C-alpha atoms as a PDB file:
ATOM      1  CA  UNK A   1     -10.632 -45.474  20.063  1.00  0.00           C
ATOM      2  CA  UNK A   2      -9.128 -48.048  17.667  1.00  0.00           C
ATOM      3  CA  UNK A   3      -5.475 -47.826  16.685  1.00  0.00           C
ATOM      4  CA  UNK A   4      -4.670 -46.468  13.211  1.00  0.00           C
ATOM      5  CA  UNK A   5      -3.393 -49.913  12.260  1.00  0.00           C
ATOM      6  CA  UNK A   6      -6.885 -51.311  12.849  1.00  0.00           C
ATOM      7  CA  UNK A   7      -8.699 -48.664  10.791  1.00  0.00           C
ATOM      8  CA  UNK A   8      -9.740 -48.997   7.191  1.00  0.00           C
ATOM      9  CA  UNK A   9      -7.486 -46.983   4.878  1.00  0.00           C
ATOM     10  CA  UNK A  10      -9.548 -45.008   2.375  1.00  0.00           C
ATOM     11  CA  UNK A  11      -6.540 -43.730   0.393  1.00  0.00           C
ATOM     12  CA  UNK A  12      -2.826 -43.140   0.871  1.00  0.00           C
ATOM     13  CA  UNK A  13      -0.302 -40.894  -0.886  1.00  0.00           C
ATOM     14  CA  UNK A  14       3.483 -40.973  -0.715  1.00  0.00           C
ATOM     15  CA  UNK A  15       5.172 -38.089  -2.507  1.00  0.00           C
ATOM     16  CA  UNK A  16       7.714 -35.313  -2.360  1.00  0.00           C
ATOM     17  CA  UNK A  17       6.028 -31.930  -2.201  1.00  0.00           C
ATOM     18  CA  UNK A  18       7.022 -29.743  -5.182  1.00  0.00           C
ATOM     19  CA  UNK A  19       8.251 -26.197  -4.654  1.00  0.00           C
ATOM     20  CA  UNK A  20       4.986 -24.550  -5.696  1.00  0.00           C
ATOM     21  CA  UNK A  21       3.270 -26.208  -2.723  1.00  0.00           C
ATOM     22  CA  UNK A  22       5.225 -23.766  -0.568  1.00  0.00           C
ATOM     23  CA  UNK A  23       5.821 -20.781  -2.830  1.00  0.00           C
ATOM     24  CA  UNK A  24       2.608 -20.358  -4.812  1.00  0.00           C
ATOM     25  CA  UNK A  25      -0.526 -19.062  -3.046  1.00  0.00           C
ATOM     26  CA  UNK A  26      -3.536 -21.334  -3.227  1.00  0.00           C
ATOM     27  CA  UNK A  27      -6.711 -19.518  -4.249  1.00  0.00           C
ATOM     28  CA  UNK A  28     -10.188 -20.993  -4.230  1.00  0.00           C
ATOM     29  CA  UNK A  29     -11.958 -20.774  -7.580  1.00  0.00           C
ATOM     30  CA  UNK A  30     -14.676 -18.460  -6.270  1.00  0.00           C
ATOM     31  CA  UNK A  31     -12.021 -16.051  -4.939  1.00  0.00           C
ATOM     32  CA  UNK A  32      -9.652 -15.953  -7.921  1.00  0.00           C
ATOM     33  CA  UNK A  33     -11.055 -12.723  -9.362  1.00  0.00           C
ATOM     34  CA  UNK A  34     -11.052 -11.070  -5.918  1.00  0.00           C
ATOM     35  CA  UNK A  35      -7.455 -12.102  -5.327  1.00  0.00           C
ATOM     36  CA  UNK A  36      -6.437 -10.853  -8.785  1.00  0.00           C
ATOM     37  CA  UNK A  37      -7.981  -7.445  -8.067  1.00  0.00           C
ATOM     38  CA  UNK A  38      -6.340  -7.419  -4.625  1.00  0.00           C
ATOM     39  CA  UNK A  39      -2.955  -8.275  -6.153  1.00  0.00           C
ATOM     40  CA  UNK A  40      -3.223  -5.575  -8.836  1.00  0.00           C
ATOM     41  CA  UNK A  41      -4.282  -2.967  -6.274  1.00  0.00           C
ATOM     42  CA  UNK A  42      -1.437  -3.886  -3.918  1.00  0.00           C
ATOM     43  CA  UNK A  43       1.096  -3.464  -6.755  1.00  0.00           C
ATOM     44  CA  UNK A  44      -0.452  -0.119  -7.703  1.00  0.00           C
ATOM     45  CA  UNK A  45      -0.356   0.894  -4.046  1.00  0.00           C
ATOM     46  CA  UNK A  46       3.378   0.154  -3.818  1.00  0.00           C
ATOM     47  CA  UNK A  47       4.095   2.201  -6.956  1.00  0.00           C
ATOM     48  CA  UNK A  48       1.933   5.110  -5.801  1.00  0.00           C
ATOM     49  CA  UNK A  49       3.467   5.110  -2.311  1.00  0.00           C
ATOM     50  CA  UNK A  50       7.010   5.080  -3.728  1.00  0.00           C
ATOM     51  CA  UNK A  51       6.137   8.036  -5.987  1.00  0.00           C
ATOM     52  CA  UNK A  52       4.587   9.810  -2.999  1.00  0.00           C
ATOM     53  CA  UNK A  53       7.699   9.319  -0.861  1.00  0.00           C
ATOM     54  CA  UNK A  54      10.007  10.437  -3.680  1.00  0.00           C
ATOM     55  CA  UNK A  55       7.931  13.594  -4.164  1.00  0.00           C
ATOM     56  CA  UNK A  56       8.217  14.367  -0.457  1.00  0.00           C
ATOM     57  CA  UNK A  57      11.977  13.789  -0.561  1.00  0.00           C
ATOM     58  CA  UNK A  58      12.735  15.849  -3.652  1.00  0.00           C
ATOM     59  CA  UNK A  59       9.913  18.388  -3.349  1.00  0.00           C
ATOM     60  CA  UNK A  60       9.363  18.688   0.395  1.00  0.00           C
ATOM     61  CA  UNK A  61       6.111  20.242   1.542  1.00  0.00           C
ATOM     62  CA  UNK A  62       6.126  20.568   5.301  1.00  0.00           C
ATOM     63  CA  UNK A  63       2.357  20.206   5.704  1.00  0.00           C
ATOM     64  CA  UNK A  64       2.532  16.716   4.195  1.00  0.00           C
ATOM     65  CA  UNK A  65       5.212  15.201   6.429  1.00  0.00           C
ATOM     66  CA  UNK A  66       2.566  14.158   8.946  1.00  0.00           C
ATOM     67  CA  UNK A  67       0.798  12.194   6.208  1.00  0.00           C
ATOM     68  CA  UNK A  68       3.929  10.158   5.513  1.00  0.00           C
ATOM     69  CA  UNK A  69       3.144   7.631   8.272  1.00  0.00           C
ATOM     70  CA  UNK A  70       0.134   6.072   6.534  1.00  0.00           C
ATOM     71  CA  UNK A  71       1.739   5.419   3.134  1.00  0.00           C
ATOM     72  CA  UNK A  72       4.948   4.119   4.725  1.00  0.00           C
ATOM     73  CA  UNK A  73       2.957   1.598   6.782  1.00  0.00           C
ATOM     74  CA  UNK A  74       1.035   0.527   3.688  1.00  0.00           C
ATOM     75  CA  UNK A  75       4.258   0.197   1.733  1.00  0.00           C
ATOM     76  CA  UNK A  76       5.894  -1.834   4.507  1.00  0.00           C
ATOM     77  CA  UNK A  77       2.927  -4.201   4.735  1.00  0.00           C
ATOM     78  CA  UNK A  78       2.634  -4.697   0.973  1.00  0.00           C
ATOM     79  CA  UNK A  79       6.377  -5.196   0.474  1.00  0.00           C
ATOM     80  CA  UNK A  80       6.404  -7.721   3.303  1.00  0.00           C
ATOM     81  CA  UNK A  81       3.366  -9.543   1.917  1.00  0.00           C
ATOM     82  CA  UNK A  82       4.465  -9.526  -1.730  1.00  0.00           C
ATOM     83  CA  UNK A  83       8.272  -9.610  -1.605  1.00  0.00           C
ATOM     84  CA  UNK A  84       9.811 -10.498   1.768  1.00  0.00           C
ATOM     85  CA  UNK A  85       7.439 -13.361   2.719  1.00  0.00           C
ATOM     86  CA  UNK A  86       7.793 -15.194  -0.650  1.00  0.00           C
ATOM     87  CA  UNK A  87      11.595 -14.878  -0.437  1.00  0.00           C
ATOM     88  CA  UNK A  88      11.626 -16.302   3.096  1.00  0.00           C
ATOM     89  CA  UNK A  89       9.320 -19.139   2.020  1.00  0.00           C
ATOM     90  CA  UNK A  90      11.616 -20.005  -0.890  1.00  0.00           C
ATOM     91  CA  UNK A  91      14.617 -19.968   1.416  1.00  0.00           C
ATOM     92  CA  UNK A  92      12.749 -22.205   3.847  1.00  0.00           C
ATOM     93  CA  UNK A  93      11.828 -24.625   1.080  1.00  0.00           C
ATOM     94  CA  UNK A  94      15.472 -25.098   0.109  1.00  0.00           C
ATOM     95  CA  UNK A  95      16.229 -26.126   3.690  1.00  0.00           C
ATOM     96  CA  UNK A  96      13.182 -28.420   3.840  1.00  0.00           C
ATOM     97  CA  UNK A  97      14.125 -29.988   0.510  1.00  0.00           C
ATOM     98  CA  UNK A  98      17.718 -30.524   1.612  1.00  0.00           C
ATOM     99  CA  UNK A  99      16.540 -32.258   4.782  1.00  0.00           C
ATOM    100  CA  UNK A 100      13.912 -34.264   2.863  1.00  0.00           C
ATOM    101  CA  UNK A 101      11.162 -32.713   4.971  1.00  0.00           C
ATOM    102  CA  UNK A 102       9.115 -32.436   1.791  1.00  0.00           C
ATOM    103  CA  UNK A 103       8.799 -36.226   1.734  1.00  0.00           C
ATOM    104  CA  UNK A 104       5.372 -36.943   3.174  1.00  0.00           C
ATOM    105  CA  UNK A 105       2.830 -39.735   3.503  1.00  0.00           C
ATOM    106  CA  UNK A 106      -0.853 -38.946   3.907  1.00  0.00           C
ATOM    107  CA  UNK A 107      -3.041 -41.817   5.061  1.00  0.00           C
ATOM    108  CA  UNK A 108      -6.769 -41.085   4.986  1.00  0.00           C
ATOM    109  CA  UNK A 109      -9.034 -43.085   7.275  1.00  0.00           C
ATOM    110  CA  UNK A 110     -12.789 -42.794   7.640  1.00  0.00           C
ATOM    111  CA  UNK A 111     -12.526 -40.343  10.571  1.00  0.00           C
ATOM    112  CA  UNK A 112      -9.001 -38.874  10.452  1.00  0.00           C
ATOM    113  CA  UNK A 113      -5.866 -38.354   8.394  1.00  0.00           C
ATOM    114  CA  UNK A 114      -2.340 -39.288   9.420  1.00  0.00           C
ATOM    115  CA  UNK A 115       0.606 -37.156   8.292  1.00  0.00           C
ATOM    116  CA  UNK A 116       3.992 -38.783   8.373  1.00  0.00           C
ATOM    117  CA  UNK A 117       7.350 -37.249   7.414  1.00  0.00           C
ATOM    118  CA  UNK A 118      10.956 -37.825   8.582  1.00  0.00           C
ATOM    119  CA  UNK A 119      10.310 -35.666  11.658  1.00  0.00           C
ATOM    120  CA  UNK A 120       6.522 -35.692  11.989  1.00  0.00           C
ATOM    121  CA  UNK A 121       3.883 -38.289  12.738  1.00  0.00           C
ATOM    122  CA  UNK A 122       0.533 -36.801  13.687  1.00  0.00           C
ATOM    123  CA  UNK A 123      -3.159 -37.361  13.131  1.00  0.00           C
ATOM    124  CA  UNK A 124      -5.853 -34.749  12.440  1.00  0.00           C
ATOM    125  CA  UNK A 125      -9.475 -35.546  13.179  1.00  0.00           C
ATOM    126  CA  UNK A 126     -11.905 -34.657  10.388  1.00  0.00           C
ATOM    127  CA  UNK A 127     -14.180 -32.875  12.845  1.00  0.00           C
ATOM    128  CA  UNK A 128     -11.441 -30.218  13.170  1.00  0.00           C
ATOM    129  CA  UNK A 129     -11.379 -29.564   9.411  1.00  0.00           C
ATOM    130  CA  UNK A 130     -12.554 -26.022   8.629  1.00  0.00           C
ATOM    131  CA  UNK A 131     -12.381 -25.765   4.837  1.00  0.00           C
ATOM    132  CA  UNK A 132     -10.712 -27.023   1.702  1.00  0.00           C
ATOM    133  CA  UNK A 133      -9.103 -25.082  -1.138  1.00  0.00           C
ATOM    134  CA  UNK A 134      -7.875 -26.232  -4.506  1.00  0.00           C
ATOM    135  CA  UNK A 135      -6.365 -25.087  -7.760  1.00  0.00           C
ATOM    136  CA  UNK A 136      -5.460 -26.952 -10.939  1.00  0.00           C
ATOM    137  CA  UNK A 137      -2.603 -28.905  -9.298  1.00  0.00           C
ATOM    138  CA  UNK A 138      -3.347 -29.378  -5.600  1.00  0.00           C
ATOM    139  CA  UNK A 139      -6.047 -29.817  -3.024  1.00  0.00           C
ATOM    140  CA  UNK A 140      -5.528 -28.464   0.492  1.00  0.00           C
ATOM    141  CA  UNK A 141      -7.468 -29.366   3.598  1.00  0.00           C
ATOM    142  CA  UNK A 142      -7.232 -26.726   6.347  1.00  0.00           C
ATOM    143  CA  UNK A 143      -7.725 -27.610  10.003  1.00  0.00           C
ATOM    144  CA  UNK A 144      -7.915 -25.525  13.190  1.00  0.00           C
ATOM    145  CA  UNK A 145      -4.890 -23.332  14.063  1.00  0.00           C
ATOM    146  CA  UNK A 146      -4.134 -23.108  10.323  1.00  0.00           C
ATOM    147  CA  UNK A 147      -2.762 -26.653  10.195  1.00  0.00           C
ATOM    148  CA  UNK A 148      -3.227 -28.075   6.752  1.00  0.00           C
ATOM    149  CA  UNK A 149      -2.410 -30.841   4.322  1.00  0.00           C
ATOM    150  CA  UNK A 150      -1.907 -30.490   0.566  1.00  0.00           C
ATOM    151  CA  UNK A 151      -2.104 -33.342  -1.917  1.00  0.00           C
ATOM    152  CA  UNK A 152      -1.006 -33.530  -5.536  1.00  0.00           C
ATOM    153  CA  UNK A 153      -4.216 -33.880  -7.554  1.00  0.00           C
ATOM    154  CA  UNK A 154      -2.447 -35.826 -10.285  1.00  0.00           C
ATOM    155  CA  UNK A 155      -1.857 -38.629  -7.749  1.00  0.00           C
ATOM    156  CA  UNK A 156      -5.546 -38.906  -6.910  1.00  0.00           C
ATOM    157  CA  UNK A 157      -8.555 -40.356  -8.623  1.00  0.00           C
ATOM    158  CA  UNK A 158     -11.668 -38.200  -8.872  1.00  0.00           C
ATOM    159  CA  UNK A 159     -13.308 -40.434  -6.292  1.00  0.00           C
ATOM    160  CA  UNK A 160     -10.460 -39.811  -3.837  1.00  0.00           C
ATOM    161  CA  UNK A 161     -10.580 -36.070  -4.466  1.00  0.00           C
ATOM    162  CA  UNK A 162     -14.312 -36.016  -3.797  1.00  0.00           C
ATOM    163  CA  UNK A 163     -13.748 -37.935  -0.563  1.00  0.00           C
ATOM    164  CA  UNK A 164     -11.266 -35.271   0.622  1.00  0.00           C
ATOM    165  CA  UNK A 165     -13.585 -32.451  -0.439  1.00  0.00           C
ATOM    166  CA  UNK A 166     -16.518 -34.011   1.392  1.00  0.00           C
ATOM    167  CA  UNK A 167     -14.546 -34.154   4.648  1.00  0.00           C
ATOM    168  CA  UNK A 168     -15.602 -30.545   5.185  1.00  0.00           C
ATOM    169  CA  UNK A 169     -19.394 -30.212   5.565  1.00  0.00           C
ATOM    170  CA  UNK A 170     -20.983 -28.017   2.898  1.00  0.00           C
ATOM    171  CA  UNK A 171     -22.304 -25.672   5.592  1.00  0.00           C
ATOM    172  CA  UNK A 172     -18.762 -25.014   6.858  1.00  0.00           C
ATOM    173  CA  UNK A 173     -17.487 -24.498   3.329  1.00  0.00           C
ATOM    174  CA  UNK A 174     -20.244 -21.998   2.519  1.00  0.00           C
ATOM    175  CA  UNK A 175     -19.481 -20.115   5.749  1.00  0.00           C
ATOM    176  CA  UNK A 176     -15.794 -19.914   4.789  1.00  0.00           C
ATOM    177  CA  UNK A 177     -16.627 -18.699   1.268  1.00  0.00           C
ATOM    178  CA  UNK A 178     -18.860 -15.966   2.644  1.00  0.00           C
ATOM    179  CA  UNK A 179     -16.365 -14.865   5.301  1.00  0.00           C
ATOM    180  CA  UNK A 180     -13.359 -14.894   2.940  1.00  0.00           C
ATOM    181  CA  UNK A 181     -15.297 -13.002   0.266  1.00  0.00           C
ATOM    182  CA  UNK A 182     -16.264 -10.302   2.769  1.00  0.00           C
ATOM    183  CA  UNK A 183     -12.667 -10.006   4.042  1.00  0.00           C
ATOM    184  CA  UNK A 184     -11.272  -9.740   0.524  1.00  0.00           C
ATOM    185  CA  UNK A 185     -13.822  -7.116  -0.453  1.00  0.00           C
ATOM    186  CA  UNK A 186     -12.890  -5.105   2.656  1.00  0.00           C
ATOM    187  CA  UNK A 187      -9.187  -5.369   1.739  1.00  0.00           C
ATOM    188  CA  UNK A 188      -9.933  -4.284  -1.836  1.00  0.00           C
ATOM    189  CA  UNK A 189     -11.926  -1.284  -0.577  1.00  0.00           C
ATOM    190  CA  UNK A 190      -9.140  -0.331   1.841  1.00  0.00           C
ATOM    191  CA  UNK A 191      -6.569  -0.434  -0.938  1.00  0.00           C
ATOM    192  CA  UNK A 192      -8.858   1.646  -3.161  1.00  0.00           C
ATOM    193  CA  UNK A 193      -9.229   4.231  -0.394  1.00  0.00           C
ATOM    194  CA  UNK A 194      -5.459   4.192   0.232  1.00  0.00           C
ATOM    195  CA  UNK A 195      -4.650   4.631  -3.467  1.00  0.00           C
ATOM    196  CA  UNK A 196      -7.202   7.441  -3.738  1.00  0.00           C
ATOM    197  CA  UNK A 197      -5.842   9.142  -0.607  1.00  0.00           C
ATOM    198  CA  UNK A 198      -2.196   8.896  -1.644  1.00  0.00           C
ATOM    199  CA  UNK A 199      -2.987   9.744  -5.277  1.00  0.00           C
ATOM    200  CA  UNK A 200      -4.851  12.857  -4.144  1.00  0.00           C
ATOM    201  CA  UNK A 201      -1.883  13.774  -1.954  1.00  0.00           C
ATOM    202  CA  UNK A 202       0.486  13.376  -4.912  1.00  0.00           C
ATOM    203  CA  UNK A 203      -1.689  15.643  -7.054  1.00  0.00           C
ATOM    204  CA  UNK A 204      -1.873  18.153  -4.210  1.00  0.00           C
ATOM    205  CA  UNK A 205       1.899  18.120  -3.712  1.00  0.00           C
ATOM    206  CA  UNK A 206       2.403  18.477  -7.461  1.00  0.00           C
ATOM    207  CA  UNK A 207      -0.026  21.381  -7.575  1.00  0.00           C
ATOM    208  CA  UNK A 208       1.604  23.063  -4.577  1.00  0.00           C
ATOM    209  CA  UNK A 209       5.092  22.739  -6.026  1.00  0.00           C
ATOM    210  CA  UNK A 210       3.863  23.862  -9.420  1.00  0.00           C
ATOM    211  CA  UNK A 211       2.307  26.976  -7.893  1.00  0.00           C
ATOM    212  CA  UNK A 212       4.980  27.622  -5.273  1.00  0.00           C
ATOM    213  CA  UNK A 213       6.322  31.129  -5.472  1.00  0.00           C
ATOM    214  CA  UNK A 214       9.953  31.482  -4.428  1.00  0.00           C
ATOM    215  CA  UNK A 215      10.742  34.778  -2.705  1.00  0.00           C
ATOM    216  CA  UNK A 216      14.295  35.124  -3.896  1.00  0.00           C
ATOM    217  CA  UNK A 217      14.832  38.856  -3.509  1.00  0.00           C
ATOM    218  CA  UNK A 218      16.184  40.819  -0.523  1.00  0.00           C
ATOM    219  CA  UNK A 219      13.692  41.516   2.222  1.00  0.00           C
ATOM    220  CA  UNK A 220      12.716  45.000   3.430  1.00  0.00           C
ATOM    221  CA  UNK A 221      10.443  46.212   6.212  1.00  0.00           C
ATOM    222  CA  UNK A 222       6.854  47.099   5.425  1.00  0.00           C
ATOM    223  CA  UNK A 223       7.446  50.639   6.698  1.00  0.00           C
ATOM    224  CA  UNK A 224      10.294  51.055   4.211  1.00  0.00           C
ATOM    225  CA  UNK A 225       8.020  49.809   1.449  1.00  0.00           C
ATOM    226  CA  UNK A 226       5.309  52.338   2.414  1.00  0.00           C
ATOM    227  CA  UNK A 227       7.839  55.190   2.387  1.00  0.00           C
ATOM    228  CA  UNK A 228       8.913  54.167  -1.094  1.00  0.00           C
ATOM    229  CA  UNK A 229       5.250  54.161  -2.128  1.00  0.00           C
ATOM    230  CA  UNK A 230       4.828  57.709  -0.800  1.00  0.00           C
ATOM    231  CA  UNK A 231       8.035  58.820  -2.540  1.00  0.00           C
ATOM    232  CA  UNK A 232       6.896  57.345  -5.853  1.00  0.00           C
ATOM    233  CA  UNK A 233       9.915  55.026  -6.139  1.00  0.00           C
ATOM    234  CA  UNK A 234       7.922  51.775  -6.433  1.00  0.00           C
ATOM    235  CA  UNK A 235       6.605  50.011  -9.534  1.00  0.00           C
ATOM    236  CA  UNK A 236       5.556  46.523 -10.658  1.00  0.00           C
ATOM    237  CA  UNK A 237       4.015  45.398  -7.372  1.00  0.00           C
ATOM    238  CA  UNK A 238       3.094  41.738  -6.950  1.00  0.00           C
ATOM    239  CA  UNK A 239       0.921  40.704  -3.992  1.00  0.00           C
ATOM    240  CA  UNK A 240       1.350  37.020  -3.112  1.00  0.00           C
ATOM    241  CA  UNK A 241      -1.549  35.330  -1.288  1.00  0.00           C
ATOM    242  CA  UNK A 242      -2.272  38.645   0.439  1.00  0.00           C
ATOM    243  CA  UNK A 243       0.749  37.955   2.670  1.00  0.00           C
ATOM    244  CA  UNK A 244       3.814  39.051   0.725  1.00  0.00           C
ATOM    245  CA  UNK A 245       4.561  41.996  -1.519  1.00  0.00           C
ATOM    246  CA  UNK A 246       7.214  41.845  -4.191  1.00  0.00           C
ATOM    247  CA  UNK A 247       8.123  45.170  -5.805  1.00  0.00           C
ATOM    248  CA  UNK A 248      10.664  46.992  -7.908  1.00  0.00           C
ATOM    249  CA  UNK A 249      12.480  49.945  -6.270  1.00  0.00           C
ATOM    250  CA  UNK A 250      13.500  52.695  -8.696  1.00  0.00           C
ATOM    251  CA  UNK A 251      15.387  54.960  -6.293  1.00  0.00           C
ATOM    252  CA  UNK A 252      18.866  53.760  -7.314  1.00  0.00           C
ATOM    253  CA  UNK A 253      20.699  54.114 -10.588  1.00  0.00           C
ATOM    254  CA  UNK A 254      19.546  50.625 -11.413  1.00  0.00           C
ATOM    255  CA  UNK A 255      16.129  49.226 -10.539  1.00  0.00           C
ATOM    256  CA  UNK A 256      16.208  46.567  -7.809  1.00  0.00           C
ATOM    257  CA  UNK A 257      13.663  43.966  -6.757  1.00  0.00           C
ATOM    258  CA  UNK A 258      12.663  43.438  -3.091  1.00  0.00           C
ATOM    259  CA  UNK A 259       9.921  41.766  -1.070  1.00  0.00           C
ATOM    260  CA  UNK A 260       8.257  42.512   2.236  1.00  0.00           C
ATOM    261  CA  UNK A 261       5.649  40.972   4.511  1.00  0.00           C
ATOM    262  CA  UNK A 262       2.200  42.570   4.582  1.00  0.00           C
ATOM    263  CA  UNK A 263       1.663  43.757   8.125  1.00  0.00           C
ATOM    264  CA  UNK A 264      -1.392  45.912   7.481  1.00  0.00           C
ATOM    265  CA  UNK A 265      -4.801  45.705   5.831  1.00  0.00           C
ATOM    266  CA  UNK A 266      -4.270  44.359   2.340  1.00  0.00           C
ATOM    267  CA  UNK A 267      -7.392  46.097   1.017  1.00  0.00           C
ATOM    268  CA  UNK A 268      -5.996  49.407   2.177  1.00  0.00           C
ATOM    269  CA  UNK A 269      -2.734  48.666   0.352  1.00  0.00           C
ATOM    270  CA  UNK A 270      -4.531  47.819  -2.888  1.00  0.00           C
ATOM    271  CA  UNK A 271      -6.563  51.006  -2.662  1.00  0.00           C
ATOM    272  CA  UNK A 272      -3.368  53.013  -2.102  1.00  0.00           C
ATOM    273  CA  UNK A 273      -1.712  51.385  -5.118  1.00  0.00           C
ATOM    274  CA  UNK A 274      -4.711  52.250  -7.280  1.00  0.00           C
ATOM    275  CA  UNK A 275      -4.786  55.828  -6.008  1.00  0.00           C
ATOM    276  CA  UNK A 276      -1.054  56.243  -6.758  1.00  0.00           C
ATOM    277  CA  UNK A 277      -1.623  54.724 -10.220  1.00  0.00           C
ATOM    278  CA  UNK A 278       0.923  51.980  -9.539  1.00  0.00           C
ATOM    279  CA  UNK A 279       0.667  48.814 -11.607  1.00  0.00           C
ATOM    280  CA  UNK A 280       0.112  45.765  -9.400  1.00  0.00           C
ATOM    281  CA  UNK A 281      -0.937  42.122  -9.656  1.00  0.00           C
ATOM    282  CA  UNK A 282      -2.156  39.525  -7.190  1.00  0.00           C
ATOM    283  CA  UNK A 283      -0.961  35.921  -7.174  1.00  0.00           C
ATOM    284  CA  UNK A 284      -2.742  33.178  -5.257  1.00  0.00           C
ATOM    285  CA  UNK A 285       0.111  30.701  -4.767  1.00  0.00           C
ATOM    286  CA  UNK A 286       1.987  28.895  -2.081  1.00  0.00           C
ATOM    287  CA  UNK A 287       5.209  30.580  -1.078  1.00  0.00           C
ATOM    288  CA  UNK A 288       8.640  29.453  -0.097  1.00  0.00           C
ATOM    289  CA  UNK A 289      11.200  31.846   1.373  1.00  0.00           C
ATOM    290  CA  UNK A 290      14.402  30.544  -0.133  1.00  0.00           C
ATOM    291  CA  UNK A 291      16.618  30.999  -3.106  1.00  0.00           C
ATOM    292  CA  UNK A 292      15.821  29.147  -6.281  1.00  0.00           C
ATOM    293  CA  UNK A 293      18.281  26.325  -6.963  1.00  0.00           C
END
């Protein structure tokens, strides 16, 4: 194989890579809309997950603690992808810039490209190129193992840009477009499912807390409650989810409110209340045995 010095140089670029080369994602034109949808959904997902976690913290519902794992993982991934990674990249760029690692020379030959910087001198064969991506300011050529080069389009002629684009066979480029489109669509669908799942959970938690009935009165035994029924010292009975009974006891100088747990057939109790002509209501709500704050 001939030495690089003996090869014909197609084009060569010497430049300092600007910050956006490192900090701004590079999206192919055909994927811009997909990436925009993905970005919007990921932001919505973060907001929804934060709301979900706050609702669990301030309005705890024990049955939903097991569901906390999924939204927390989604939140961690999205925060890492959207916040932590960009911050680390920016920090890394400052170090690169200080050490002049962003000074680079790309030399394009007919069969390979040489990358030279203060600490790097390597050559990538065009046969290893997998795809190219570009936006309004740069053109990136991606090789195996995610190695890539990025050139400033303003430094290139249209002929040079077309040469770089044509390094990747059209068949490979089409395959990449199809694969990346499918992956992005899957990600978008997953985020939609996640947002729907967490949103439904939020509505469920809200509904549960809205309809939670707080049993704040002293508790009595069911037998004591039945004796009071027989003695005619009970009024204003409230049956909660066919599990609890809240009632007013009139046997003292001042009426007092109590609750008890239904330990017998609820239909029999309702029939007894009707036969004794005692006013009662039924409430289908969640319950929480604790004092109201």
